[in-house]
Amino acid sequence: MEKTDTRRVEKTIAAMLDLGNDVVLTPEEAGLMFGVSKWAMYKRAKNGQAPSHKLGTKVYFFKSELMVHLKEL
């Protein structure tokens, strides 16, 4: 997915969920925060090891929730 497509999806999700200034991350972007692959983030989302949200078949992460989660580790 191109960067512009990712940002368009992020804005759409933020508008739908009224997130204000929160940033919506793809599994790949979230993986960079944890230093793991996007596949590891999919697995963590599935196992409940990282806060995540699904929209259809897509998995997304909110940066603010991941920051809280990182502080709790």
Protein backbone atom coordinates (compact mmCIF):
# COMPACT_ATOMS: atom_id res chain seq x y z
CA MET A 1 0.00 0.00 0.00
CA GLU A 2 1.37 3.38 -0.95
CA LYS A 3 2.00 6.00 1.71
CA THR A 4 -0.80 8.24 0.39
CA ASP A 5 -3.24 5.32 0.48
CA THR A 6 -2.20 4.53 4.04
CA ARG A 7 -2.79 8.11 5.17
CA ARG A 8 -6.17 8.18 3.40
CA VAL A 9 -7.21 5.02 5.26
CA GLU A 10 -5.88 6.50 8.50
CA LYS A 11 -7.97 9.65 8.05
CA THR A 12 -11.06 7.61 7.21
CA ILE A 13 -10.68 5.42 10.29
CA ALA A 14 -9.96 8.41 12.52
CA ALA A 15 -13.07 10.17 11.24
CA MET A 16 -15.21 7.06 11.73
CA LEU A 17 -13.97 6.48 15.25
CA ASP A 18 -13.59 10.16 16.25
CA LEU A 19 -9.96 9.67 17.32
CA GLY A 20 -9.00 13.32 17.23
CA ASN A 21 -5.24 13.51 16.76
CA ASP A 22 -4.47 9.83 17.36
CA VAL A 23 -2.43 8.09 14.67
CA VAL A 24 -3.60 4.85 13.08
CA LEU A 25 -0.75 2.46 12.28
CA THR A 26 -0.54 -0.51 9.97
CA PRO A 27 0.97 -3.74 11.31
CA GLU A 28 4.22 -2.85 9.54
CA GLU A 29 4.38 0.61 11.15
CA ALA A 30 3.44 -0.79 14.56
CA GLY A 31 6.12 -3.45 14.20
CA LEU A 32 8.73 -0.73 13.91
CA MET A 33 7.73 0.49 17.39
CA PHE A 34 8.29 -2.98 18.84
CA GLY A 35 11.25 -3.87 16.65
CA VAL A 36 9.44 -6.85 15.11
CA SER A 37 8.02 -7.80 11.72
CA LYS A 38 4.50 -7.04 10.56
CA TRP A 39 3.75 -10.77 10.86
CA ALA A 40 4.73 -10.68 14.52
CA MET A 41 2.29 -7.79 14.99
CA TYR A 42 -0.49 -9.76 13.32
CA LYS A 43 0.25 -12.61 15.72
CA ARG A 44 0.31 -10.29 18.75
CA ALA A 45 -3.01 -8.79 17.66
CA LYS A 46 -4.57 -12.23 17.23
CA ASN A 47 -3.29 -13.42 20.62
CA GLY A 48 -4.30 -10.23 22.42
CA GLN A 49 -0.69 -9.36 23.21
CA ALA A 50 -1.02 -5.91 21.63
CA PRO A 51 -4.08 -3.64 21.47
CA SER A 52 -5.50 -3.75 17.94
CA HIS A 53 -8.63 -3.09 15.94
CA LYS A 54 -10.11 -4.75 12.86
CA LEU A 55 -11.99 -3.04 10.09
CA GLY A 56 -13.20 -5.75 7.75
CA THR A 57 -10.19 -7.96 7.17
CA LYS A 58 -7.63 -5.24 7.95
CA VAL A 59 -5.85 -4.93 11.30
CA TYR A 60 -4.88 -1.51 12.63
CA PHE A 61 -3.19 -0.21 15.75
CA PHE A 62 -3.61 3.13 17.50
CA LYS A 63 -0.31 4.74 18.39
CA SER A 64 -1.59 6.04 21.74
CA GLU A 65 -2.70 2.53 22.79
CA LEU A 66 0.64 1.04 21.75
CA MET A 67 2.52 3.70 23.71
CA VAL A 68 0.54 2.82 26.86
CA HIS A 69 1.12 -0.87 26.17
CA LEU A 70 4.87 -0.33 25.76
CA LYS A 71 5.04 1.48 29.10
CA GLU A 72 3.29 -1.46 30.78
CA LEU A 73 5.84 -4.02 29.50
